[in-house]
Amino acid sequence: MVGQIFDAAANQSAVWAVILGAMLATAGGFVATQMERYVEHRRRERNAALFFGELLTTLQIILYHAHNAHGRGDPFGPITLRMLKSARKEIDIYDRNRETLFDLRHGDLRARIQNLIIRIAMPIEGVFDATDEILRCQDQLRDAGAIPRPDLEGRVESLRQQRDSGYEFIMETVEALPSIIGDLEPLAHQSFRKLGEIGRNI
């Protein structure tokens, strides 16, 4: 009788040991999975911050040089337009990788980046469209020779004003870039200031 009691107690202890072991294994697996997700999210966030930090710094450098070219000779000469086209290519790179933006956990930072890109992309397209239209009007004026064409002349002047306004809006928007880039630095664990300085000194 006593032996049966000890056997039952031993069996009960073994069952509890198995249950406890299973619970600890489950808890350990859950914690490990959560830690793995946390580390992976941090890694992806860092990569996203590096990508957008470098892209926005490059965009800032390009527009810095575009502004320098704009202030010399023909404001919208070939050098200025090439710089603006290069800026548009950087925006195209952003568009192709926009889903990476969601790896940044700060919603306000994501919104600021998206808003800034839109505010730069739209007026750049406007500058290109206005420039193309100005060239077409000027070709028509040349074909007209000495014949007055006040309608075309007025159209050219209106397009120039529109282009100037778009360009000014771009340069005003660019002033927000340093703040956004600065907010990306802690997430990227890297400073982009050196890259910006090198780019401006080229």
N, C-alpha and C. Protein backbone atom coordinates (compact mmCIF):
# COMPACT_ATOMS: atom_id res chain seq x y z
N MET A 1 0.83 -1.20 0.00
CA MET A 1 0.00 0.00 0.00
C MET A 1 0.87 1.25 0.00
N VAL A 2 1.86 1.26 0.89
CA VAL A 2 2.78 2.41 0.97
C VAL A 2 3.54 2.55 -0.34
N GLY A 3 3.98 1.42 -0.93
CA GLY A 3 4.71 1.46 -2.21
C GLY A 3 3.85 2.03 -3.32
N GLN A 4 2.58 1.71 -3.32
CA GLN A 4 1.68 2.24 -4.35
C GLN A 4 1.53 3.75 -4.23
N ILE A 5 1.46 4.25 -2.98
CA ILE A 5 1.35 5.70 -2.75
C ILE A 5 2.58 6.40 -3.30
N PHE A 6 3.80 5.82 -2.97
CA PHE A 6 5.06 6.43 -3.47
C PHE A 6 5.12 6.39 -5.00
N ASP A 7 4.65 5.29 -5.61
CA ASP A 7 4.65 5.19 -7.08
C ASP A 7 3.73 6.23 -7.70
N ALA A 8 2.56 6.44 -7.11
CA ALA A 8 1.61 7.43 -7.62
C ALA A 8 2.18 8.83 -7.51
N ALA A 9 2.85 9.08 -6.35
CA ALA A 9 3.45 10.41 -6.15
C ALA A 9 4.56 10.66 -7.16
N ALA A 10 5.36 9.62 -7.41
CA ALA A 10 6.47 9.75 -8.36
C ALA A 10 5.94 9.98 -9.77
N ASN A 11 4.86 9.24 -10.13
CA ASN A 11 4.26 9.42 -11.46
C ASN A 11 3.69 10.82 -11.62
N GLN A 12 3.05 11.31 -10.52
CA GLN A 12 2.47 12.65 -10.56
C GLN A 12 3.55 13.71 -10.72
N SER A 13 4.69 13.52 -10.02
CA SER A 13 5.81 14.47 -10.13
C SER A 13 6.37 14.47 -11.55
N ALA A 14 6.45 13.28 -12.16
CA ALA A 14 6.96 13.18 -13.53
C ALA A 14 6.05 13.90 -14.50
N VAL A 15 4.73 13.76 -14.29
CA VAL A 15 3.76 14.44 -15.18
C VAL A 15 3.91 15.95 -15.06
N TRP A 16 4.03 16.44 -13.82
CA TRP A 16 4.19 17.88 -13.62
C TRP A 16 5.51 18.39 -14.22
N ALA A 17 6.53 17.56 -14.13
CA ALA A 17 7.82 17.94 -14.72
C ALA A 17 7.71 18.07 -16.23
N VAL A 18 6.96 17.12 -16.83
CA VAL A 18 6.77 17.18 -18.29
C VAL A 18 5.96 18.42 -18.67
N ILE A 19 4.90 18.70 -17.91
CA ILE A 19 4.06 19.87 -18.18
C ILE A 19 4.86 21.15 -18.03
N LEU A 20 5.65 21.23 -16.95
CA LEU A 20 6.47 22.42 -16.70
C LEU A 20 7.49 22.61 -17.81
N GLY A 21 8.11 21.49 -18.21
CA GLY A 21 9.08 21.56 -19.30
C GLY A 21 8.46 22.04 -20.60
N ALA A 22 7.25 21.55 -20.88
CA ALA A 22 6.55 21.97 -22.10
C ALA A 22 6.20 23.46 -22.06
N MET A 23 5.77 23.91 -20.86
CA MET A 23 5.42 25.34 -20.72
C MET A 23 6.65 26.22 -20.89
N LEU A 24 7.78 25.80 -20.30
CA LEU A 24 9.01 26.59 -20.44
C LEU A 24 9.50 26.60 -21.88
N ALA A 25 9.38 25.44 -22.55
CA ALA A 25 9.80 25.37 -23.96
C ALA A 25 8.93 26.28 -24.83
N THR A 26 7.62 26.30 -24.56
CA THR A 26 6.71 27.16 -25.32
C THR A 26 7.02 28.63 -25.09
N ALA A 27 7.21 28.96 -23.79
CA ALA A 27 7.53 30.35 -23.45
C ALA A 27 8.86 30.76 -24.07
N GLY A 28 9.84 29.87 -24.01
CA GLY A 28 11.15 30.16 -24.60
C GLY A 28 11.06 30.36 -26.11
N GLY A 29 10.27 29.52 -26.78
CA GLY A 29 10.08 29.66 -28.22
C GLY A 29 9.40 30.96 -28.58
N PHE A 30 8.40 31.34 -27.76
CA PHE A 30 7.69 32.60 -28.01
C PHE A 30 8.61 33.80 -27.85
N VAL A 31 9.38 33.78 -26.74
CA VAL A 31 10.33 34.89 -26.50
C VAL A 31 11.38 34.96 -27.60
N ALA A 32 11.88 33.81 -28.01
CA ALA A 32 12.89 33.78 -29.08
C ALA A 32 12.32 34.32 -30.38
N THR A 33 11.07 33.96 -30.70
CA THR A 33 10.43 34.44 -31.92
C THR A 33 10.24 35.96 -31.88
N GLN A 34 9.79 36.45 -30.71
CA GLN A 34 9.60 37.89 -30.56
C GLN A 34 10.92 38.65 -30.67
N MET A 35 11.96 38.09 -30.06
CA MET A 35 13.28 38.73 -30.14
C MET A 35 13.78 38.74 -31.59
N GLU A 36 13.54 37.64 -32.29
CA GLU A 36 13.98 37.55 -33.69
C GLU A 36 13.25 38.59 -34.54
N ARG A 37 11.94 38.73 -34.29
CA ARG A 37 11.18 39.72 -35.03
C ARG A 37 11.67 41.13 -34.72
N TYR A 38 11.96 41.40 -33.46
CA TYR A 38 12.43 42.72 -33.04
C TYR A 38 13.76 43.05 -33.72
N VAL A 39 14.68 42.09 -33.69
CA VAL A 39 16.00 42.30 -34.29
C VAL A 39 15.87 42.49 -35.81
N GLU A 40 15.02 41.68 -36.44
CA GLU A 40 14.83 41.79 -37.89
C GLU A 40 14.20 43.13 -38.26
N HIS A 41 13.23 43.59 -37.45
CA HIS A 41 12.59 44.88 -37.72
C HIS A 41 13.60 46.01 -37.57
N ARG A 42 14.43 45.93 -36.53
CA ARG A 42 15.46 46.96 -36.32
C ARG A 42 16.44 46.96 -37.49
N ARG A 43 16.80 45.80 -37.97
CA ARG A 43 17.73 45.71 -39.10
C ARG A 43 17.13 46.33 -40.34
N ARG A 44 15.86 46.00 -40.60
CA ARG A 44 15.19 46.56 -41.77
C ARG A 44 15.00 48.07 -41.63
N GLU A 45 14.72 48.52 -40.43
CA GLU A 45 14.55 49.95 -40.20
C GLU A 45 15.88 50.68 -40.43
N ARG A 46 16.96 50.09 -39.96
CA ARG A 46 18.27 50.71 -40.16
C ARG A 46 18.61 50.78 -41.64
N ASN A 47 18.36 49.70 -42.37
CA ASN A 47 18.61 49.69 -43.81
C ASN A 47 17.76 50.73 -44.53
N ALA A 48 16.50 50.86 -44.12
CA ALA A 48 15.61 51.85 -44.74
C ALA A 48 16.11 53.27 -44.44
N ALA A 49 16.51 53.50 -43.19
CA ALA A 49 17.02 54.83 -42.82
C ALA A 49 18.31 55.15 -43.58
N LEU A 50 19.17 54.16 -43.77
CA LEU A 50 20.39 54.36 -44.56
C LEU A 50 20.04 54.71 -46.01
N PHE A 51 19.10 53.95 -46.56
CA PHE A 51 18.71 54.16 -47.96
C PHE A 51 18.13 55.56 -48.16
N PHE A 52 17.14 55.93 -47.34
CA PHE A 52 16.50 57.23 -47.53
C PHE A 52 17.42 58.37 -47.12
N GLY A 53 18.26 58.15 -46.13
CA GLY A 53 19.22 59.19 -45.74
C GLY A 53 20.18 59.50 -46.87
N GLU A 54 20.72 58.46 -47.49
CA GLU A 54 21.66 58.66 -48.60
C GLU A 54 20.95 59.23 -49.83
N LEU A 55 19.73 58.75 -50.10
CA LEU A 55 18.99 59.25 -51.26
C LEU A 55 18.66 60.73 -51.09
N LEU A 56 18.16 61.11 -49.92
CA LEU A 56 17.79 62.51 -49.69
C LEU A 56 19.02 63.42 -49.64
N THR A 57 20.13 62.89 -49.12
CA THR A 57 21.37 63.68 -49.12
C THR A 57 21.85 63.91 -50.55
N THR A 58 21.77 62.87 -51.38
CA THR A 58 22.15 63.00 -52.79
C THR A 58 21.24 63.99 -53.50
N LEU A 59 19.94 63.92 -53.21
CA LEU A 59 18.99 64.86 -53.80
C LEU A 59 19.32 66.29 -53.38
N GLN A 60 19.68 66.46 -52.12
CA GLN A 60 20.05 67.78 -51.61
C GLN A 60 21.29 68.32 -52.33
N ILE A 61 22.29 67.46 -52.54
CA ILE A 61 23.52 67.86 -53.22
C ILE A 61 23.22 68.27 -54.67
N ILE A 62 22.43 67.47 -55.36
CA ILE A 62 22.10 67.76 -56.76
C ILE A 62 21.38 69.10 -56.88
N LEU A 63 20.41 69.34 -56.01
CA LEU A 63 19.66 70.59 -56.07
C LEU A 63 20.51 71.77 -55.63
N TYR A 64 21.50 71.53 -54.77
CA TYR A 64 22.46 72.58 -54.39
C TYR A 64 23.24 73.02 -55.63
N HIS A 65 23.74 72.05 -56.40
CA HIS A 65 24.49 72.38 -57.61
C HIS A 65 23.58 72.97 -58.69
N ALA A 66 22.33 72.50 -58.74
CA ALA A 66 21.37 73.08 -59.69
C ALA A 66 21.15 74.56 -59.40
N HIS A 67 21.07 74.90 -58.12
CA HIS A 67 20.86 76.30 -57.73
C HIS A 67 22.08 77.15 -58.08
N ASN A 68 23.27 76.57 -57.92
CA ASN A 68 24.48 77.29 -58.32
C ASN A 68 24.49 77.55 -59.82
N ALA A 69 24.13 76.53 -60.60
CA ALA A 69 24.09 76.68 -62.06
C ALA A 69 23.00 77.68 -62.47
N HIS A 70 21.89 77.67 -61.74
CA HIS A 70 20.78 78.57 -62.04
C HIS A 70 21.19 80.03 -61.89
N GLY A 71 22.12 80.29 -61.00
CA GLY A 71 22.56 81.66 -60.75
C GLY A 71 23.62 82.17 -61.71
N ARG A 72 23.99 81.35 -62.67
CA ARG A 72 25.04 81.75 -63.62
C ARG A 72 24.53 81.64 -65.05
N GLY A 73 24.66 82.69 -65.79
CA GLY A 73 24.24 82.67 -67.19
C GLY A 73 22.74 82.48 -67.34
N ASP A 74 22.35 81.66 -68.30
CA ASP A 74 20.94 81.36 -68.53
C ASP A 74 20.40 80.58 -67.34
N PRO A 75 19.42 81.14 -66.61
CA PRO A 75 18.91 80.46 -65.41
C PRO A 75 18.44 79.02 -65.66
N PHE A 76 17.90 78.78 -66.85
CA PHE A 76 17.43 77.44 -67.18
C PHE A 76 18.17 76.90 -68.41
N GLY A 77 19.49 77.07 -68.34
CA GLY A 77 20.35 76.54 -69.40
C GLY A 77 20.51 75.04 -69.27
N PRO A 78 21.31 74.44 -70.14
CA PRO A 78 21.45 72.98 -70.16
C PRO A 78 21.98 72.38 -68.86
N ILE A 79 22.89 73.09 -68.17
CA ILE A 79 23.45 72.53 -66.93
C ILE A 79 22.38 72.45 -65.85
N THR A 80 21.63 73.55 -65.69
CA THR A 80 20.55 73.56 -64.69
C THR A 80 19.54 72.46 -64.97
N LEU A 81 19.15 72.33 -66.24
CA LEU A 81 18.14 71.32 -66.60
C LEU A 81 18.68 69.91 -66.40
N ARG A 82 19.96 69.69 -66.67
CA ARG A 82 20.54 68.35 -66.43
C ARG A 82 20.53 68.03 -64.95
N MET A 83 20.85 69.02 -64.13
CA MET A 83 20.82 68.81 -62.68
C MET A 83 19.40 68.47 -62.21
N LEU A 84 18.43 69.18 -62.73
CA LEU A 84 17.05 68.91 -62.34
C LEU A 84 16.60 67.53 -62.83
N LYS A 85 17.09 67.11 -64.00
CA LYS A 85 16.78 65.76 -64.49
C LYS A 85 17.43 64.70 -63.61
N SER A 86 18.64 65.00 -63.12
CA SER A 86 19.30 64.07 -62.19
C SER A 86 18.50 63.96 -60.89
N ALA A 87 17.98 65.10 -60.43
CA ALA A 87 17.13 65.08 -59.23
C ALA A 87 15.88 64.24 -59.48
N ARG A 88 15.33 64.35 -60.69
CA ARG A 88 14.13 63.55 -61.02
C ARG A 88 14.45 62.06 -61.01
N LYS A 89 15.67 61.70 -61.43
CA LYS A 89 16.07 60.29 -61.41
C LYS A 89 16.16 59.77 -59.98
N GLU A 90 16.63 60.60 -59.06
CA GLU A 90 16.67 60.21 -57.64
C GLU A 90 15.26 59.97 -57.12
N ILE A 91 14.33 60.81 -57.55
CA ILE A 91 12.94 60.64 -57.14
C ILE A 91 12.37 59.36 -57.73
N ASP A 92 12.78 59.02 -58.95
CA ASP A 92 12.35 57.75 -59.56
C ASP A 92 12.84 56.56 -58.74
N ILE A 93 14.08 56.66 -58.23
CA ILE A 93 14.63 55.60 -57.37
C ILE A 93 13.78 55.48 -56.11
N TYR A 94 13.39 56.63 -55.54
CA TYR A 94 12.52 56.63 -54.37
C TYR A 94 11.20 55.93 -54.68
N ASP A 95 10.60 56.27 -55.84
CA ASP A 95 9.31 55.69 -56.22
C ASP A 95 9.39 54.17 -56.34
N ARG A 96 10.52 53.67 -56.87
CA ARG A 96 10.67 52.22 -57.05
C ARG A 96 10.87 51.50 -55.72
N ASN A 97 11.26 52.21 -54.69
CA ASN A 97 11.53 51.60 -53.38
C ASN A 97 10.64 52.17 -52.28
N ARG A 98 9.51 52.75 -52.67
CA ARG A 98 8.68 53.45 -51.70
C ARG A 98 8.14 52.53 -50.60
N GLU A 99 7.92 51.25 -50.93
CA GLU A 99 7.39 50.34 -49.90
C GLU A 99 8.36 50.19 -48.73
N THR A 100 9.65 50.44 -48.98
CA THR A 100 10.65 50.36 -47.90
C THR A 100 10.38 51.40 -46.83
N LEU A 101 9.66 52.45 -47.19
CA LEU A 101 9.35 53.52 -46.24
C LEU A 101 8.61 52.99 -45.02
N PHE A 102 7.83 51.91 -45.21
CA PHE A 102 7.04 51.37 -44.11
C PHE A 102 7.89 50.62 -43.09
N ASP A 103 9.18 50.42 -43.38
CA ASP A 103 10.07 49.83 -42.38
C ASP A 103 10.46 50.84 -41.31
N LEU A 104 10.21 52.13 -41.56
CA LEU A 104 10.45 53.16 -40.55
C LEU A 104 9.24 53.20 -39.62
N ARG A 105 9.49 53.08 -38.32
CA ARG A 105 8.37 52.96 -37.39
C ARG A 105 7.71 54.30 -37.07
N HIS A 106 8.36 55.41 -37.38
CA HIS A 106 7.82 56.74 -37.06
C HIS A 106 6.91 57.21 -38.19
N GLY A 107 5.61 57.22 -37.94
CA GLY A 107 4.65 57.61 -38.96
C GLY A 107 4.82 59.04 -39.43
N ASP A 108 5.15 59.95 -38.50
CA ASP A 108 5.30 61.35 -38.90
C ASP A 108 6.51 61.54 -39.80
N LEU A 109 7.58 60.77 -39.57
CA LEU A 109 8.77 60.84 -40.42
C LEU A 109 8.46 60.32 -41.82
N ARG A 110 7.72 59.23 -41.88
CA ARG A 110 7.31 58.68 -43.19
C ARG A 110 6.49 59.72 -43.96
N ALA A 111 5.56 60.37 -43.26
CA ALA A 111 4.70 61.35 -43.92
C ALA A 111 5.51 62.55 -44.40
N ARG A 112 6.48 62.98 -43.61
CA ARG A 112 7.30 64.13 -44.00
C ARG A 112 8.14 63.81 -45.24
N ILE A 113 8.69 62.59 -45.29
CA ILE A 113 9.49 62.20 -46.45
C ILE A 113 8.62 62.16 -47.70
N GLN A 114 7.46 61.49 -47.60
CA GLN A 114 6.56 61.37 -48.75
C GLN A 114 6.08 62.74 -49.22
N ASN A 115 5.72 63.59 -48.28
CA ASN A 115 5.23 64.93 -48.61
C ASN A 115 6.32 65.74 -49.31
N LEU A 116 7.55 65.64 -48.80
CA LEU A 116 8.66 66.40 -49.39
C LEU A 116 8.94 65.94 -50.83
N ILE A 117 8.95 64.63 -51.05
CA ILE A 117 9.21 64.11 -52.39
C ILE A 117 8.15 64.60 -53.37
N ILE A 118 6.89 64.58 -52.96
CA ILE A 118 5.80 65.05 -53.83
C ILE A 118 5.97 66.53 -54.14
N ARG A 119 6.33 67.32 -53.11
CA ARG A 119 6.47 68.77 -53.27
C ARG A 119 7.67 69.13 -54.14
N ILE A 120 8.61 68.23 -54.30
CA ILE A 120 9.74 68.48 -55.21
C ILE A 120 9.44 67.92 -56.60
N ALA A 121 8.86 66.74 -56.67
CA ALA A 121 8.64 66.07 -57.97
C ALA A 121 7.68 66.85 -58.86
N MET A 122 6.57 67.33 -58.30
CA MET A 122 5.57 67.99 -59.13
C MET A 122 6.09 69.28 -59.77
N PRO A 123 6.72 70.19 -59.03
CA PRO A 123 7.24 71.40 -59.69
C PRO A 123 8.40 71.12 -60.64
N ILE A 124 9.18 70.08 -60.39
CA ILE A 124 10.24 69.73 -61.35
C ILE A 124 9.62 69.36 -62.69
N GLU A 125 8.56 68.56 -62.66
CA GLU A 125 7.86 68.22 -63.90
C GLU A 125 7.29 69.48 -64.55
N GLY A 126 6.82 70.39 -63.72
CA GLY A 126 6.30 71.66 -64.24
C GLY A 126 7.38 72.49 -64.93
N VAL A 127 8.58 72.49 -64.37
CA VAL A 127 9.71 73.20 -64.99
C VAL A 127 10.02 72.61 -66.36
N PHE A 128 10.05 71.28 -66.44
CA PHE A 128 10.34 70.61 -67.72
C PHE A 128 9.25 70.92 -68.75
N ASP A 129 7.99 70.82 -68.33
CA ASP A 129 6.87 71.07 -69.25
C ASP A 129 6.89 72.52 -69.75
N ALA A 130 7.12 73.45 -68.82
CA ALA A 130 7.15 74.87 -69.21
C ALA A 130 8.31 75.16 -70.16
N THR A 131 9.47 74.55 -69.89
CA THR A 131 10.64 74.75 -70.75
C THR A 131 10.37 74.23 -72.16
N ASP A 132 9.78 73.05 -72.26
CA ASP A 132 9.45 72.48 -73.58
C ASP A 132 8.47 73.37 -74.33
N GLU A 133 7.47 73.88 -73.61
CA GLU A 133 6.46 74.73 -74.25
C GLU A 133 7.07 76.07 -74.68
N ILE A 134 7.96 76.62 -73.87
CA ILE A 134 8.65 77.87 -74.24
C ILE A 134 9.44 77.68 -75.53
N LEU A 135 10.15 76.56 -75.64
CA LEU A 135 10.94 76.28 -76.84
C LEU A 135 10.04 76.16 -78.07
N ARG A 136 8.87 75.53 -77.92
CA ARG A 136 7.94 75.40 -79.05
C ARG A 136 7.42 76.78 -79.48
N CYS A 137 7.09 77.61 -78.49
CA CYS A 137 6.60 78.96 -78.81
C CYS A 137 7.69 79.80 -79.49
N GLN A 138 8.91 79.67 -79.01
CA GLN A 138 10.02 80.41 -79.60
C GLN A 138 10.27 79.96 -81.04
N ASP A 139 10.12 78.67 -81.31
CA ASP A 139 10.25 78.17 -82.69
C ASP A 139 9.18 78.80 -83.59
N GLN A 140 7.97 78.91 -83.06
CA GLN A 140 6.88 79.51 -83.84
C GLN A 140 7.13 80.99 -84.08
N LEU A 141 7.71 81.67 -83.08
CA LEU A 141 8.04 83.09 -83.25
C LEU A 141 9.12 83.28 -84.31
N ARG A 142 10.10 82.38 -84.34
CA ARG A 142 11.15 82.46 -85.36
C ARG A 142 10.57 82.23 -86.75
N ASP A 143 9.65 81.27 -86.82
CA ASP A 143 9.02 80.99 -88.12
C ASP A 143 8.18 82.17 -88.61
N ALA A 144 7.61 82.92 -87.65
CA ALA A 144 6.79 84.07 -88.02
C ALA A 144 7.64 85.22 -88.53
N GLY A 145 8.93 85.23 -88.21
CA GLY A 145 9.84 86.28 -88.67
C GLY A 145 9.47 87.63 -88.08
N ALA A 146 9.23 88.62 -88.97
CA ALA A 146 8.95 89.99 -88.51
C ALA A 146 7.48 90.19 -88.19
N ILE A 147 6.67 89.17 -88.42
CA ILE A 147 5.23 89.30 -88.14
C ILE A 147 5.00 89.30 -86.63
N PRO A 148 4.35 90.33 -86.10
CA PRO A 148 4.11 90.37 -84.64
C PRO A 148 3.20 89.23 -84.20
N ARG A 149 3.55 88.61 -83.12
CA ARG A 149 2.74 87.53 -82.54
C ARG A 149 2.58 87.79 -81.04
N PRO A 150 1.80 88.81 -80.66
CA PRO A 150 1.65 89.14 -79.23
C PRO A 150 1.10 87.98 -78.41
N ASP A 151 0.30 87.12 -79.04
CA ASP A 151 -0.26 85.98 -78.32
C ASP A 151 0.84 85.02 -77.88
N LEU A 152 1.79 84.74 -78.79
CA LEU A 152 2.90 83.85 -78.45
C LEU A 152 3.86 84.49 -77.47
N GLU A 153 4.12 85.80 -77.67
CA GLU A 153 5.03 86.51 -76.76
C GLU A 153 4.46 86.53 -75.35
N GLY A 154 3.16 86.77 -75.26
CA GLY A 154 2.53 86.75 -73.95
C GLY A 154 2.54 85.36 -73.33
N ARG A 155 2.36 84.35 -74.19
CA ARG A 155 2.40 82.96 -73.71
C ARG A 155 3.77 82.61 -73.16
N VAL A 156 4.83 83.02 -73.87
CA VAL A 156 6.20 82.76 -73.42
C VAL A 156 6.46 83.42 -72.08
N GLU A 157 6.03 84.67 -71.94
CA GLU A 157 6.24 85.39 -70.68
C GLU A 157 5.50 84.72 -69.53
N SER A 158 4.28 84.28 -69.79
CA SER A 158 3.49 83.59 -68.76
C SER A 158 4.16 82.27 -68.34
N LEU A 159 4.67 81.54 -69.32
CA LEU A 159 5.35 80.27 -69.04
C LEU A 159 6.63 80.49 -68.25
N ARG A 160 7.35 81.56 -68.56
CA ARG A 160 8.57 81.86 -67.81
C ARG A 160 8.27 82.16 -66.34
N GLN A 161 7.20 82.92 -66.12
CA GLN A 161 6.80 83.23 -64.75
C GLN A 161 6.38 81.95 -64.01
N GLN A 162 5.66 81.11 -64.72
CA GLN A 162 5.22 79.83 -64.13
C GLN A 162 6.43 78.96 -63.79
N ARG A 163 7.40 78.90 -64.68
CA ARG A 163 8.61 78.12 -64.46
C ARG A 163 9.40 78.66 -63.28
N ASP A 164 9.53 80.00 -63.21
CA ASP A 164 10.25 80.62 -62.10
C ASP A 164 9.59 80.32 -60.76
N SER A 165 8.25 80.36 -60.75
CA SER A 165 7.52 80.08 -59.50
C SER A 165 7.72 78.63 -59.07
N GLY A 166 7.69 77.71 -60.04
CA GLY A 166 7.93 76.30 -59.73
C GLY A 166 9.31 76.07 -59.18
N TYR A 167 10.30 76.72 -59.78
CA TYR A 167 11.68 76.56 -59.32
C TYR A 167 11.85 77.11 -57.90
N GLU A 168 11.28 78.27 -57.65
CA GLU A 168 11.36 78.87 -56.31
C GLU A 168 10.71 77.96 -55.27
N PHE A 169 9.59 77.33 -55.65
CA PHE A 169 8.91 76.41 -54.73
C PHE A 169 9.80 75.21 -54.41
N ILE A 170 10.52 74.70 -55.41
CA ILE A 170 11.45 73.59 -55.19
C ILE A 170 12.50 73.99 -54.17
N MET A 171 13.10 75.16 -54.37
CA MET A 171 14.19 75.60 -53.49
C MET A 171 13.69 75.87 -52.06
N GLU A 172 12.45 76.33 -51.93
CA GLU A 172 11.86 76.51 -50.59
C GLU A 172 11.65 75.16 -49.92
N THR A 173 11.20 74.19 -50.68
CA THR A 173 10.94 72.85 -50.14
C THR A 173 12.22 72.17 -49.71
N VAL A 174 13.30 72.40 -50.45
CA VAL A 174 14.59 71.77 -50.15
C VAL A 174 15.09 72.16 -48.76
N GLU A 175 14.66 73.30 -48.26
CA GLU A 175 15.10 73.76 -46.94
C GLU A 175 14.68 72.80 -45.82
N ALA A 176 13.67 71.96 -46.09
CA ALA A 176 13.22 70.98 -45.08
C ALA A 176 14.07 69.72 -45.08
N LEU A 177 14.93 69.54 -46.08
CA LEU A 177 15.72 68.31 -46.18
C LEU A 177 16.67 68.08 -45.00
N PRO A 178 17.44 69.09 -44.56
CA PRO A 178 18.37 68.82 -43.45
C PRO A 178 17.69 68.29 -42.19
N SER A 179 16.49 68.78 -41.89
CA SER A 179 15.77 68.32 -40.70
C SER A 179 15.38 66.85 -40.83
N ILE A 180 14.88 66.47 -41.99
CA ILE A 180 14.47 65.07 -42.20
C ILE A 180 15.69 64.15 -42.18
N ILE A 181 16.75 64.57 -42.86
CA ILE A 181 17.98 63.77 -42.88
C ILE A 181 18.53 63.60 -41.46
N GLY A 182 18.46 64.68 -40.67
CA GLY A 182 18.91 64.61 -39.28
C GLY A 182 18.11 63.62 -38.45
N ASP A 183 16.80 63.52 -38.72
CA ASP A 183 15.95 62.58 -37.99
C ASP A 183 16.20 61.13 -38.42
N LEU A 184 16.75 60.94 -39.61
CA LEU A 184 17.07 59.58 -40.08
C LEU A 184 18.39 59.07 -39.51
N GLU A 185 19.27 59.98 -39.10
CA GLU A 185 20.60 59.58 -38.63
C GLU A 185 20.58 58.65 -37.42
N PRO A 186 19.78 58.93 -36.37
CA PRO A 186 19.76 57.99 -35.23
C PRO A 186 19.27 56.60 -35.62
N LEU A 187 18.33 56.52 -36.56
CA LEU A 187 17.81 55.23 -36.99
C LEU A 187 18.82 54.48 -37.85
N ALA A 188 19.62 55.24 -38.61
CA ALA A 188 20.62 54.62 -39.49
C ALA A 188 21.93 54.35 -38.75
N HIS A 189 22.07 54.93 -37.55
CA HIS A 189 23.32 54.83 -36.78
C HIS A 189 24.49 55.35 -37.61
N GLN A 190 24.22 56.43 -38.32
CA GLN A 190 25.25 57.01 -39.19
C GLN A 190 24.93 58.47 -39.46
N SER A 191 25.98 59.29 -39.57
CA SER A 191 25.80 60.69 -39.92
C SER A 191 25.95 60.86 -41.43
N PHE A 192 25.04 61.62 -42.02
CA PHE A 192 25.09 61.89 -43.46
C PHE A 192 25.72 63.24 -43.75
N ARG A 193 26.16 63.91 -42.69
CA ARG A 193 26.71 65.27 -42.86
C ARG A 193 27.97 65.27 -43.71
N LYS A 194 28.82 64.26 -43.47
CA LYS A 194 30.09 64.18 -44.21
C LYS A 194 29.82 63.98 -45.70
N LEU A 195 28.86 63.12 -46.01
CA LEU A 195 28.50 62.87 -47.40
C LEU A 195 28.01 64.15 -48.06
N GLY A 196 27.22 64.92 -47.34
CA GLY A 196 26.72 66.19 -47.87
C GLY A 196 27.82 67.18 -48.12
N GLU A 197 28.77 67.26 -47.18
CA GLU A 197 29.88 68.19 -47.33
C GLU A 197 30.76 67.81 -48.54
N ILE A 198 31.02 66.52 -48.69
CA ILE A 198 31.82 66.07 -49.83
C ILE A 198 31.11 66.41 -51.14
N GLY A 199 29.81 66.15 -51.18
CA GLY A 199 29.05 66.41 -52.40
C GLY A 199 29.02 67.88 -52.77
N ARG A 200 28.91 68.76 -51.79
CA ARG A 200 28.86 70.20 -52.09
C ARG A 200 30.22 70.74 -52.52
N ASN A 201 31.29 70.06 -52.12
CA ASN A 201 32.63 70.52 -52.45
C ASN A 201 33.16 69.96 -53.78
N ILE A 202 32.37 69.12 -54.44
CA ILE A 202 32.81 68.55 -55.72
C ILE A 202 32.89 69.64 -56.78
